[in-house]
Amino acid sequence: MRLTGGTLGGRRIAGPKSRGVRPTPGRVKEALFSMLGSRTAGARVLDLYAGTGAVGFEALSRGAQEVVFVEGQPRVAQRIAALAAQLGIGRDRARVVNTRVERALERLDGRFDIVFADPPYALGVPERVLLRLHERGLVDERSLVVYEHSSRITVGVPAPYRVGRREAYGEVALTFLAPEADAS
């Protein structure tokens, strides 16, 4: 895999050799960051189901202040931490949380500007995860949640989210979700 832009653009990173890890295709990653534009600069990013870490590292390369990588497989999480060290990214900017996403959401705090969720396609829409992000204050109306999924499914999302945009790239689709402001 290759980082496509920013300060680390052109650097190759080796993905973990693990079953169940499906990297975000390069053209999808490039399109994602093209759509995000300058929104990444200075952002606090949450990379759920981080897998290879490619999306989070791309965000760091493009100026994200911090990325929290959440990955449930210990060997894969260790590989993400090793890659951060190899790229010269300190723990203050790249934090790896090795636990299930649902458990991590109970431990994290502070608002994230961008949340990228790429669960195994078999899980479907992670509605519980979306709801918990909002309930815990990890996202608000200024945040953007990007959900990667199979282009074969249509994503229905729970309140308080609305679908802002959907883009398909062959078998892969990105759905951009915007949390609504609290009515209270």
N, C-alpha and C. Protein backbone atom coordinates (compact mmCIF):
# COMPACT_ATOMS: atom_id res chain seq x y z
N MET A 1 0.84 -1.17 0.00
CA MET A 1 0.00 0.00 0.00
C MET A 1 0.88 1.23 0.00
N ARG A 2 0.32 2.30 -0.57
CA ARG A 2 1.09 3.53 -0.69
C ARG A 2 0.26 4.69 -0.16
N LEU A 3 0.92 5.57 0.58
CA LEU A 3 0.28 6.80 1.02
C LEU A 3 0.29 7.75 -0.17
N THR A 4 -0.85 8.40 -0.43
CA THR A 4 -0.99 9.12 -1.69
C THR A 4 -0.75 10.61 -1.62
N GLY A 5 -0.82 11.20 -0.45
CA GLY A 5 -0.65 12.65 -0.38
C GLY A 5 -0.07 13.11 0.93
N GLY A 6 0.19 14.40 1.02
CA GLY A 6 0.68 14.98 2.26
C GLY A 6 2.15 14.75 2.49
N THR A 7 2.57 14.93 3.74
CA THR A 7 3.98 14.87 4.10
C THR A 7 4.60 13.49 3.92
N LEU A 8 3.78 12.46 3.97
CA LEU A 8 4.29 11.09 3.81
C LEU A 8 3.91 10.51 2.45
N GLY A 9 3.38 11.34 1.56
CA GLY A 9 2.94 10.89 0.24
C GLY A 9 4.04 10.14 -0.50
N GLY A 10 3.68 9.03 -1.11
CA GLY A 10 4.63 8.21 -1.84
C GLY A 10 5.25 7.11 -1.01
N ARG A 11 5.18 7.21 0.32
CA ARG A 11 5.75 6.17 1.18
C ARG A 11 4.91 4.91 1.10
N ARG A 12 5.57 3.79 1.03
CA ARG A 12 4.88 2.50 1.01
C ARG A 12 4.80 1.97 2.44
N ILE A 13 3.64 1.41 2.75
CA ILE A 13 3.48 0.77 4.05
C ILE A 13 2.98 -0.64 3.82
N ALA A 14 3.54 -1.55 4.56
CA ALA A 14 3.13 -2.95 4.44
C ALA A 14 1.93 -3.20 5.34
N GLY A 15 0.92 -3.79 4.77
CA GLY A 15 -0.27 -4.12 5.55
C GLY A 15 -0.05 -5.41 6.32
N PRO A 16 -0.83 -5.63 7.35
CA PRO A 16 -0.72 -6.86 8.12
C PRO A 16 -1.18 -8.06 7.31
N LYS A 17 -0.52 -9.16 7.51
CA LYS A 17 -0.92 -10.39 6.84
C LYS A 17 -1.84 -11.13 7.80
N SER A 18 -3.12 -10.81 7.72
CA SER A 18 -4.08 -11.39 8.65
C SER A 18 -5.38 -11.63 7.93
N ARG A 19 -6.00 -12.74 8.25
CA ARG A 19 -7.30 -13.03 7.67
C ARG A 19 -8.31 -12.01 8.18
N GLY A 20 -9.23 -11.67 7.33
CA GLY A 20 -10.28 -10.76 7.73
C GLY A 20 -9.92 -9.29 7.60
N VAL A 21 -8.69 -8.98 7.20
CA VAL A 21 -8.31 -7.59 7.01
C VAL A 21 -8.41 -7.28 5.52
N ARG A 22 -9.27 -6.34 5.20
CA ARG A 22 -9.52 -5.95 3.82
C ARG A 22 -9.15 -4.48 3.70
N PRO A 23 -8.01 -4.18 3.08
CA PRO A 23 -7.61 -2.78 2.99
C PRO A 23 -8.55 -1.97 2.09
N THR A 24 -8.72 -0.71 2.42
CA THR A 24 -9.47 0.20 1.56
C THR A 24 -8.68 0.35 0.27
N PRO A 25 -9.30 0.08 -0.89
CA PRO A 25 -8.57 0.20 -2.16
C PRO A 25 -7.98 1.59 -2.34
N GLY A 26 -6.81 1.65 -2.97
CA GLY A 26 -6.11 2.92 -3.15
C GLY A 26 -6.94 3.99 -3.82
N ARG A 27 -7.68 3.64 -4.87
CA ARG A 27 -8.47 4.67 -5.56
C ARG A 27 -9.61 5.19 -4.69
N VAL A 28 -10.14 4.32 -3.82
CA VAL A 28 -11.19 4.75 -2.90
C VAL A 28 -10.61 5.70 -1.86
N LYS A 29 -9.43 5.35 -1.36
CA LYS A 29 -8.75 6.20 -0.37
C LYS A 29 -8.43 7.57 -0.97
N GLU A 30 -7.93 7.58 -2.21
CA GLU A 30 -7.63 8.85 -2.87
C GLU A 30 -8.88 9.69 -3.05
N ALA A 31 -9.97 9.05 -3.47
CA ALA A 31 -11.24 9.77 -3.65
C ALA A 31 -11.74 10.32 -2.32
N LEU A 32 -11.64 9.52 -1.27
CA LEU A 32 -12.07 9.95 0.06
C LEU A 32 -11.36 11.24 0.47
N PHE A 33 -10.04 11.24 0.36
CA PHE A 33 -9.29 12.41 0.82
C PHE A 33 -9.44 13.60 -0.13
N SER A 34 -9.74 13.33 -1.38
CA SER A 34 -10.06 14.42 -2.29
C SER A 34 -11.35 15.09 -1.86
N MET A 35 -12.35 14.29 -1.46
CA MET A 35 -13.62 14.84 -1.00
C MET A 35 -13.48 15.56 0.35
N LEU A 36 -12.62 15.03 1.21
CA LEU A 36 -12.42 15.66 2.52
C LEU A 36 -11.68 16.98 2.38
N GLY A 37 -10.82 17.08 1.38
CA GLY A 37 -10.08 18.32 1.14
C GLY A 37 -9.32 18.78 2.36
N SER A 38 -9.44 20.06 2.67
CA SER A 38 -8.68 20.64 3.78
C SER A 38 -9.28 20.30 5.15
N ARG A 39 -10.40 19.61 5.16
CA ARG A 39 -11.05 19.25 6.43
C ARG A 39 -10.13 18.38 7.31
N THR A 40 -9.21 17.66 6.70
CA THR A 40 -8.31 16.77 7.44
C THR A 40 -7.28 17.56 8.26
N ALA A 41 -6.86 18.71 7.76
CA ALA A 41 -5.82 19.49 8.44
C ALA A 41 -6.27 19.88 9.85
N GLY A 42 -5.49 19.49 10.84
CA GLY A 42 -5.77 19.80 12.23
C GLY A 42 -6.87 18.98 12.86
N ALA A 43 -7.40 18.01 12.13
CA ALA A 43 -8.55 17.22 12.61
C ALA A 43 -8.14 16.15 13.62
N ARG A 44 -9.09 15.83 14.44
CA ARG A 44 -8.99 14.68 15.34
C ARG A 44 -9.80 13.57 14.66
N VAL A 45 -9.13 12.45 14.34
CA VAL A 45 -9.72 11.39 13.51
C VAL A 45 -9.81 10.10 14.29
N LEU A 46 -10.92 9.40 14.14
CA LEU A 46 -11.14 8.09 14.75
C LEU A 46 -11.26 7.09 13.62
N ASP A 47 -10.35 6.11 13.59
CA ASP A 47 -10.33 5.07 12.55
C ASP A 47 -10.82 3.77 13.19
N LEU A 48 -12.11 3.48 13.00
CA LEU A 48 -12.72 2.27 13.59
C LEU A 48 -12.54 1.08 12.67
N TYR A 49 -12.28 -0.09 13.25
CA TYR A 49 -11.99 -1.30 12.48
C TYR A 49 -10.79 -0.98 11.59
N ALA A 50 -9.71 -0.49 12.19
CA ALA A 50 -8.60 0.12 11.47
C ALA A 50 -7.89 -0.79 10.48
N GLY A 51 -7.85 -2.08 10.73
CA GLY A 51 -7.23 -3.00 9.77
C GLY A 51 -5.79 -2.63 9.48
N THR A 52 -5.52 -2.26 8.25
CA THR A 52 -4.15 -1.92 7.85
C THR A 52 -3.70 -0.57 8.41
N GLY A 53 -4.65 0.27 8.79
CA GLY A 53 -4.30 1.60 9.27
C GLY A 53 -4.09 2.60 8.15
N ALA A 54 -4.27 2.17 6.91
CA ALA A 54 -3.96 3.02 5.76
C ALA A 54 -4.74 4.33 5.76
N VAL A 55 -6.02 4.29 6.11
CA VAL A 55 -6.82 5.52 6.11
C VAL A 55 -6.32 6.47 7.20
N GLY A 56 -6.06 5.96 8.38
CA GLY A 56 -5.55 6.80 9.46
C GLY A 56 -4.19 7.39 9.15
N PHE A 57 -3.29 6.59 8.56
CA PHE A 57 -1.97 7.11 8.21
C PHE A 57 -2.08 8.17 7.11
N GLU A 58 -3.00 7.96 6.18
CA GLU A 58 -3.22 8.97 5.14
C GLU A 58 -3.70 10.27 5.78
N ALA A 59 -4.59 10.18 6.77
CA ALA A 59 -5.07 11.38 7.46
C ALA A 59 -3.92 12.09 8.17
N LEU A 60 -3.06 11.34 8.83
CA LEU A 60 -1.90 11.94 9.50
C LEU A 60 -0.99 12.61 8.48
N SER A 61 -0.76 11.96 7.35
CA SER A 61 0.08 12.51 6.31
C SER A 61 -0.48 13.82 5.78
N ARG A 62 -1.80 13.93 5.79
CA ARG A 62 -2.47 15.12 5.26
C ARG A 62 -2.79 16.14 6.34
N GLY A 63 -2.16 16.02 7.50
CA GLY A 63 -2.23 17.07 8.50
C GLY A 63 -3.15 16.86 9.67
N ALA A 64 -3.72 15.67 9.83
CA ALA A 64 -4.55 15.43 11.01
C ALA A 64 -3.71 15.63 12.26
N GLN A 65 -4.30 16.23 13.27
CA GLN A 65 -3.61 16.45 14.54
C GLN A 65 -3.38 15.13 15.26
N GLU A 66 -4.41 14.27 15.25
CA GLU A 66 -4.34 13.00 15.97
C GLU A 66 -5.24 11.99 15.28
N VAL A 67 -4.79 10.73 15.27
CA VAL A 67 -5.64 9.63 14.82
C VAL A 67 -5.64 8.58 15.91
N VAL A 68 -6.85 8.15 16.28
CA VAL A 68 -7.01 7.02 17.19
C VAL A 68 -7.44 5.84 16.34
N PHE A 69 -6.58 4.82 16.30
CA PHE A 69 -6.84 3.60 15.54
C PHE A 69 -7.47 2.59 16.49
N VAL A 70 -8.64 2.06 16.16
CA VAL A 70 -9.27 1.03 16.98
C VAL A 70 -9.28 -0.25 16.17
N GLU A 71 -8.60 -1.27 16.70
CA GLU A 71 -8.48 -2.56 16.01
C GLU A 71 -8.56 -3.68 17.03
N GLY A 72 -9.44 -4.64 16.78
CA GLY A 72 -9.67 -5.73 17.73
C GLY A 72 -8.69 -6.87 17.68
N GLN A 73 -7.97 -7.05 16.57
CA GLN A 73 -7.03 -8.17 16.46
C GLN A 73 -5.66 -7.73 16.99
N PRO A 74 -5.15 -8.39 18.03
CA PRO A 74 -3.89 -7.95 18.65
C PRO A 74 -2.72 -7.83 17.67
N ARG A 75 -2.51 -8.81 16.82
CA ARG A 75 -1.36 -8.75 15.90
C ARG A 75 -1.51 -7.60 14.91
N VAL A 76 -2.72 -7.36 14.48
CA VAL A 76 -2.96 -6.26 13.54
C VAL A 76 -2.74 -4.92 14.24
N ALA A 77 -3.22 -4.78 15.47
CA ALA A 77 -3.01 -3.55 16.24
C ALA A 77 -1.52 -3.30 16.48
N GLN A 78 -0.78 -4.36 16.80
CA GLN A 78 0.67 -4.22 17.00
C GLN A 78 1.35 -3.74 15.72
N ARG A 79 0.87 -4.23 14.59
CA ARG A 79 1.46 -3.84 13.31
C ARG A 79 1.20 -2.35 13.03
N ILE A 80 0.02 -1.88 13.38
CA ILE A 80 -0.28 -0.45 13.19
C ILE A 80 0.67 0.39 14.05
N ALA A 81 0.86 -0.01 15.31
CA ALA A 81 1.77 0.72 16.21
C ALA A 81 3.20 0.71 15.66
N ALA A 82 3.63 -0.43 15.14
CA ALA A 82 4.97 -0.54 14.57
C ALA A 82 5.12 0.35 13.34
N LEU A 83 4.08 0.41 12.52
CA LEU A 83 4.13 1.27 11.33
C LEU A 83 4.23 2.75 11.72
N ALA A 84 3.49 3.14 12.75
CA ALA A 84 3.56 4.52 13.22
C ALA A 84 4.99 4.86 13.63
N ALA A 85 5.61 3.97 14.39
CA ALA A 85 7.00 4.20 14.82
C ALA A 85 7.93 4.25 13.61
N GLN A 86 7.73 3.35 12.68
CA GLN A 86 8.56 3.30 11.47
C GLN A 86 8.43 4.60 10.66
N LEU A 87 7.25 5.18 10.64
CA LEU A 87 7.02 6.42 9.91
C LEU A 87 7.41 7.66 10.71
N GLY A 88 7.86 7.46 11.96
CA GLY A 88 8.27 8.58 12.79
C GLY A 88 7.12 9.37 13.38
N ILE A 89 5.98 8.71 13.54
CA ILE A 89 4.79 9.36 14.10
C ILE A 89 4.70 8.99 15.57
N GLY A 90 4.71 9.98 16.44
CA GLY A 90 4.69 9.73 17.88
C GLY A 90 3.33 9.28 18.38
N ARG A 91 3.35 8.73 19.59
CA ARG A 91 2.11 8.24 20.22
C ARG A 91 1.13 9.37 20.54
N ASP A 92 1.62 10.59 20.57
CA ASP A 92 0.73 11.73 20.80
C ASP A 92 -0.14 12.02 19.57
N ARG A 93 0.29 11.52 18.41
CA ARG A 93 -0.48 11.74 17.17
C ARG A 93 -1.13 10.46 16.66
N ALA A 94 -0.59 9.30 17.00
CA ALA A 94 -1.13 8.02 16.54
C ALA A 94 -1.31 7.11 17.74
N ARG A 95 -2.54 6.98 18.19
CA ARG A 95 -2.83 6.13 19.35
C ARG A 95 -3.55 4.89 18.86
N VAL A 96 -3.06 3.73 19.28
CA VAL A 96 -3.65 2.46 18.88
C VAL A 96 -4.38 1.86 20.07
N VAL A 97 -5.66 1.57 19.88
CA VAL A 97 -6.49 0.96 20.92
C VAL A 97 -6.84 -0.44 20.45
N ASN A 98 -6.32 -1.44 21.17
CA ASN A 98 -6.54 -2.83 20.79
C ASN A 98 -7.68 -3.42 21.61
N THR A 99 -8.87 -3.28 21.10
CA THR A 99 -10.06 -3.85 21.72
C THR A 99 -11.19 -3.79 20.69
N ARG A 100 -12.30 -4.42 21.01
CA ARG A 100 -13.47 -4.36 20.14
C ARG A 100 -13.96 -2.91 20.06
N VAL A 101 -14.49 -2.54 18.93
CA VAL A 101 -14.97 -1.18 18.72
C VAL A 101 -15.97 -0.77 19.79
N GLU A 102 -16.93 -1.62 20.09
CA GLU A 102 -17.96 -1.29 21.07
C GLU A 102 -17.35 -0.96 22.44
N ARG A 103 -16.34 -1.71 22.84
CA ARG A 103 -15.67 -1.47 24.11
C ARG A 103 -14.84 -0.18 24.06
N ALA A 104 -14.18 0.05 22.94
CA ALA A 104 -13.36 1.26 22.80
C ALA A 104 -14.22 2.52 22.94
N LEU A 105 -15.42 2.49 22.38
CA LEU A 105 -16.29 3.67 22.44
C LEU A 105 -16.65 4.05 23.87
N GLU A 106 -16.63 3.08 24.77
CA GLU A 106 -16.92 3.36 26.18
C GLU A 106 -15.74 4.03 26.87
N ARG A 107 -14.55 3.88 26.32
CA ARG A 107 -13.33 4.40 26.96
C ARG A 107 -12.85 5.72 26.37
N LEU A 108 -13.21 5.99 25.13
CA LEU A 108 -12.74 7.20 24.46
C LEU A 108 -13.50 8.41 24.96
N ASP A 109 -12.86 9.58 24.83
CA ASP A 109 -13.56 10.80 25.17
C ASP A 109 -13.12 11.92 24.24
N GLY A 110 -13.85 13.00 24.28
CA GLY A 110 -13.57 14.12 23.39
C GLY A 110 -14.21 13.92 22.03
N ARG A 111 -14.48 15.03 21.37
CA ARG A 111 -15.13 14.99 20.07
C ARG A 111 -14.13 14.72 18.96
N PHE A 112 -14.56 13.92 18.00
CA PHE A 112 -13.76 13.66 16.80
C PHE A 112 -14.35 14.45 15.64
N ASP A 113 -13.47 14.99 14.81
CA ASP A 113 -13.90 15.74 13.63
C ASP A 113 -14.33 14.79 12.51
N ILE A 114 -13.56 13.71 12.36
CA ILE A 114 -13.82 12.73 11.30
C ILE A 114 -13.77 11.35 11.91
N VAL A 115 -14.77 10.53 11.61
CA VAL A 115 -14.78 9.13 12.02
C VAL A 115 -14.86 8.30 10.75
N PHE A 116 -13.92 7.37 10.59
CA PHE A 116 -13.96 6.46 9.45
C PHE A 116 -14.24 5.07 10.00
N ALA A 117 -15.30 4.45 9.51
CA ALA A 117 -15.69 3.11 9.96
C ALA A 117 -15.70 2.16 8.78
N ASP A 118 -14.90 1.13 8.86
CA ASP A 118 -14.81 0.13 7.79
C ASP A 118 -14.96 -1.26 8.41
N PRO A 119 -16.17 -1.57 8.91
CA PRO A 119 -16.36 -2.89 9.54
C PRO A 119 -16.36 -3.99 8.50
N PRO A 120 -16.17 -5.23 8.93
CA PRO A 120 -16.33 -6.34 7.98
C PRO A 120 -17.69 -6.21 7.31
N TYR A 121 -17.72 -6.38 6.00
CA TYR A 121 -18.96 -6.18 5.26
C TYR A 121 -20.09 -7.05 5.79
N ALA A 122 -19.77 -8.22 6.32
CA ALA A 122 -20.80 -9.13 6.84
C ALA A 122 -21.54 -8.55 8.04
N LEU A 123 -20.95 -7.58 8.73
CA LEU A 123 -21.61 -6.96 9.88
C LEU A 123 -22.77 -6.06 9.49
N GLY A 124 -22.75 -5.58 8.25
CA GLY A 124 -23.80 -4.65 7.84
C GLY A 124 -23.58 -3.29 8.47
N VAL A 125 -24.63 -2.49 8.51
CA VAL A 125 -24.54 -1.15 9.07
C VAL A 125 -24.38 -1.25 10.59
N PRO A 126 -23.32 -0.67 11.12
CA PRO A 126 -23.08 -0.75 12.57
C PRO A 126 -23.92 0.27 13.34
N GLU A 127 -25.25 0.08 13.33
CA GLU A 127 -26.14 1.07 13.96
C GLU A 127 -25.82 1.31 15.43
N ARG A 128 -25.52 0.23 16.18
CA ARG A 128 -25.18 0.41 17.60
C ARG A 128 -23.96 1.30 17.76
N VAL A 129 -23.00 1.12 16.87
CA VAL A 129 -21.78 1.93 16.93
C VAL A 129 -22.11 3.39 16.62
N LEU A 130 -22.90 3.62 15.59
CA LEU A 130 -23.28 5.00 15.24
C LEU A 130 -24.02 5.68 16.40
N LEU A 131 -24.95 4.96 17.00
CA LEU A 131 -25.70 5.53 18.12
C LEU A 131 -24.79 5.82 19.31
N ARG A 132 -23.87 4.89 19.60
CA ARG A 132 -22.98 5.07 20.75
C ARG A 132 -22.03 6.25 20.54
N LEU A 133 -21.54 6.42 19.31
CA LEU A 133 -20.69 7.58 19.01
C LEU A 133 -21.39 8.87 19.41
N HIS A 134 -22.65 8.97 19.06
CA HIS A 134 -23.42 10.18 19.35
C HIS A 134 -23.74 10.29 20.84
N GLU A 135 -24.21 9.20 21.44
CA GLU A 135 -24.57 9.21 22.87
C GLU A 135 -23.40 9.60 23.75
N ARG A 136 -22.20 9.17 23.40
CA ARG A 136 -21.01 9.45 24.21
C ARG A 136 -20.39 10.81 23.91
N GLY A 137 -20.96 11.54 22.95
CA GLY A 137 -20.42 12.86 22.62
C GLY A 137 -19.14 12.80 21.81
N LEU A 138 -18.88 11.66 21.19
CA LEU A 138 -17.67 11.53 20.37
C LEU A 138 -17.84 12.20 19.01
N VAL A 139 -19.10 12.43 18.61
CA VAL A 139 -19.41 13.19 17.40
C VAL A 139 -20.51 14.19 17.73
N ASP A 140 -20.54 15.26 16.96
CA ASP A 140 -21.64 16.23 17.05
C ASP A 140 -21.90 16.77 15.65
N GLU A 141 -22.69 17.83 15.54
CA GLU A 141 -23.09 18.32 14.22
C GLU A 141 -21.92 18.84 13.39
N ARG A 142 -20.77 19.06 13.99
CA ARG A 142 -19.58 19.49 13.23
C ARG A 142 -18.77 18.31 12.71
N SER A 143 -19.09 17.11 13.17
CA SER A 143 -18.34 15.91 12.80
C SER A 143 -18.84 15.32 11.49
N LEU A 144 -18.01 14.49 10.91
CA LEU A 144 -18.37 13.75 9.71
C LEU A 144 -18.03 12.29 9.95
N VAL A 145 -18.98 11.40 9.68
CA VAL A 145 -18.75 9.96 9.80
C VAL A 145 -18.76 9.39 8.40
N VAL A 146 -17.68 8.69 8.04
CA VAL A 146 -17.59 8.06 6.73
C VAL A 146 -17.62 6.55 6.95
N TYR A 147 -18.56 5.92 6.30
CA TYR A 147 -18.78 4.49 6.46
C TYR A 147 -18.46 3.79 5.15
N GLU A 148 -17.48 2.88 5.15
CA GLU A 148 -17.15 2.09 3.96
C GLU A 148 -17.93 0.78 4.03
N HIS A 149 -18.52 0.41 2.90
CA HIS A 149 -19.34 -0.80 2.86
C HIS A 149 -19.42 -1.34 1.44
N SER A 150 -20.04 -2.48 1.29
CA SER A 150 -20.26 -3.05 -0.03
C SER A 150 -21.21 -2.15 -0.81
N SER A 151 -20.92 -1.94 -2.08
CA SER A 151 -21.80 -1.11 -2.90
C SER A 151 -23.12 -1.83 -3.21
N ARG A 152 -23.21 -3.08 -2.83
CA ARG A 152 -24.42 -3.86 -3.08
C ARG A 152 -25.53 -3.57 -2.07
N ILE A 153 -25.20 -2.85 -1.00
CA ILE A 153 -26.23 -2.56 0.00
C ILE A 153 -26.56 -1.07 0.01
N THR A 154 -27.77 -0.78 0.40
CA THR A 154 -28.19 0.60 0.61
C THR A 154 -28.15 0.84 2.11
N VAL A 155 -27.53 1.91 2.48
CA VAL A 155 -27.36 2.20 3.90
C VAL A 155 -28.53 3.03 4.42
N GLY A 156 -29.21 2.48 5.40
CA GLY A 156 -30.20 3.24 6.15
C GLY A 156 -29.54 3.55 7.49
N VAL A 157 -29.69 4.74 7.95
CA VAL A 157 -28.98 5.12 9.18
C VAL A 157 -29.97 5.58 10.25
N PRO A 158 -29.60 5.37 11.50
CA PRO A 158 -30.49 5.78 12.59
C PRO A 158 -30.43 7.28 12.84
N ALA A 159 -31.52 7.81 13.39
CA ALA A 159 -31.47 9.19 13.89
C ALA A 159 -30.44 9.16 15.01
N PRO A 160 -29.64 10.13 15.16
CA PRO A 160 -29.70 11.49 14.68
C PRO A 160 -28.82 11.77 13.46
N TYR A 161 -28.60 10.78 12.62
CA TYR A 161 -27.73 10.97 11.46
C TYR A 161 -28.57 11.20 10.21
N ARG A 162 -27.95 11.88 9.25
CA ARG A 162 -28.53 11.96 7.91
C ARG A 162 -27.43 11.63 6.91
N VAL A 163 -27.84 11.06 5.78
CA VAL A 163 -26.88 10.73 4.74
C VAL A 163 -26.58 12.00 3.96
N GLY A 164 -25.31 12.34 3.90
CA GLY A 164 -24.90 13.53 3.18
C GLY A 164 -24.49 13.25 1.75
N ARG A 165 -23.89 12.09 1.54
CA ARG A 165 -23.37 11.76 0.21
C ARG A 165 -23.07 10.27 0.17
N ARG A 166 -23.19 9.69 -1.02
CA ARG A 166 -22.82 8.28 -1.21
C ARG A 166 -22.10 8.18 -2.54
N GLU A 167 -20.95 7.53 -2.52
CA GLU A 167 -20.15 7.34 -3.73
C GLU A 167 -19.78 5.87 -3.84
N ALA A 168 -19.92 5.30 -5.03
CA ALA A 168 -19.58 3.89 -5.25
C ALA A 168 -18.38 3.80 -6.19
N TYR A 169 -17.52 2.83 -5.89
CA TYR A 169 -16.31 2.56 -6.67
C TYR A 169 -16.26 1.06 -6.89
N GLY A 170 -16.94 0.58 -7.90
CA GLY A 170 -17.00 -0.87 -8.11
C GLY A 170 -17.74 -1.53 -6.98
N GLU A 171 -17.07 -2.44 -6.29
CA GLU A 171 -17.68 -3.20 -5.19
C GLU A 171 -17.70 -2.45 -3.86
N VAL A 172 -17.03 -1.30 -3.82
CA VAL A 172 -16.88 -0.55 -2.57
C VAL A 172 -17.66 0.76 -2.65
N ALA A 173 -18.31 1.11 -1.55
CA ALA A 173 -19.02 2.40 -1.48
C ALA A 173 -18.63 3.13 -0.21
N LEU A 174 -18.70 4.44 -0.28
CA LEU A 174 -18.51 5.30 0.88
C LEU A 174 -19.80 6.07 1.10
N THR A 175 -20.30 6.04 2.32
CA THR A 175 -21.47 6.83 2.68
C THR A 175 -21.03 7.83 3.74
N PHE A 176 -21.31 9.10 3.48
CA PHE A 176 -20.93 10.19 4.38
C PHE A 176 -22.15 10.53 5.24
N LEU A 177 -21.97 10.45 6.53
CA LEU A 177 -23.06 10.67 7.47
C LEU A 177 -22.78 11.92 8.30
N ALA A 178 -23.82 12.72 8.48
CA ALA A 178 -23.70 13.93 9.28
C ALA A 178 -24.59 13.80 10.50
N PRO A 179 -24.01 13.84 11.69
CA PRO A 179 -24.84 13.83 12.89
C PRO A 179 -25.62 15.15 12.99
N GLU A 180 -26.87 15.06 13.39
CA GLU A 180 -27.70 16.25 13.59
C GLU A 180 -27.43 16.81 14.98
N ALA A 181 -27.70 18.09 15.13
CA ALA A 181 -27.55 18.72 16.45
C ALA A 181 -28.59 18.15 17.40
N ASP A 182 -28.24 18.07 18.68
CA ASP A 182 -29.19 17.61 19.69
C ASP A 182 -30.38 18.57 19.75
N ALA A 183 -31.56 17.99 19.86
CA ALA A 183 -32.78 18.80 19.96
C ALA A 183 -32.98 19.35 21.37
N SER A 184 -32.25 18.80 22.32
CA SER A 184 -32.45 19.22 23.72
C SER A 184 -31.79 20.53 24.04
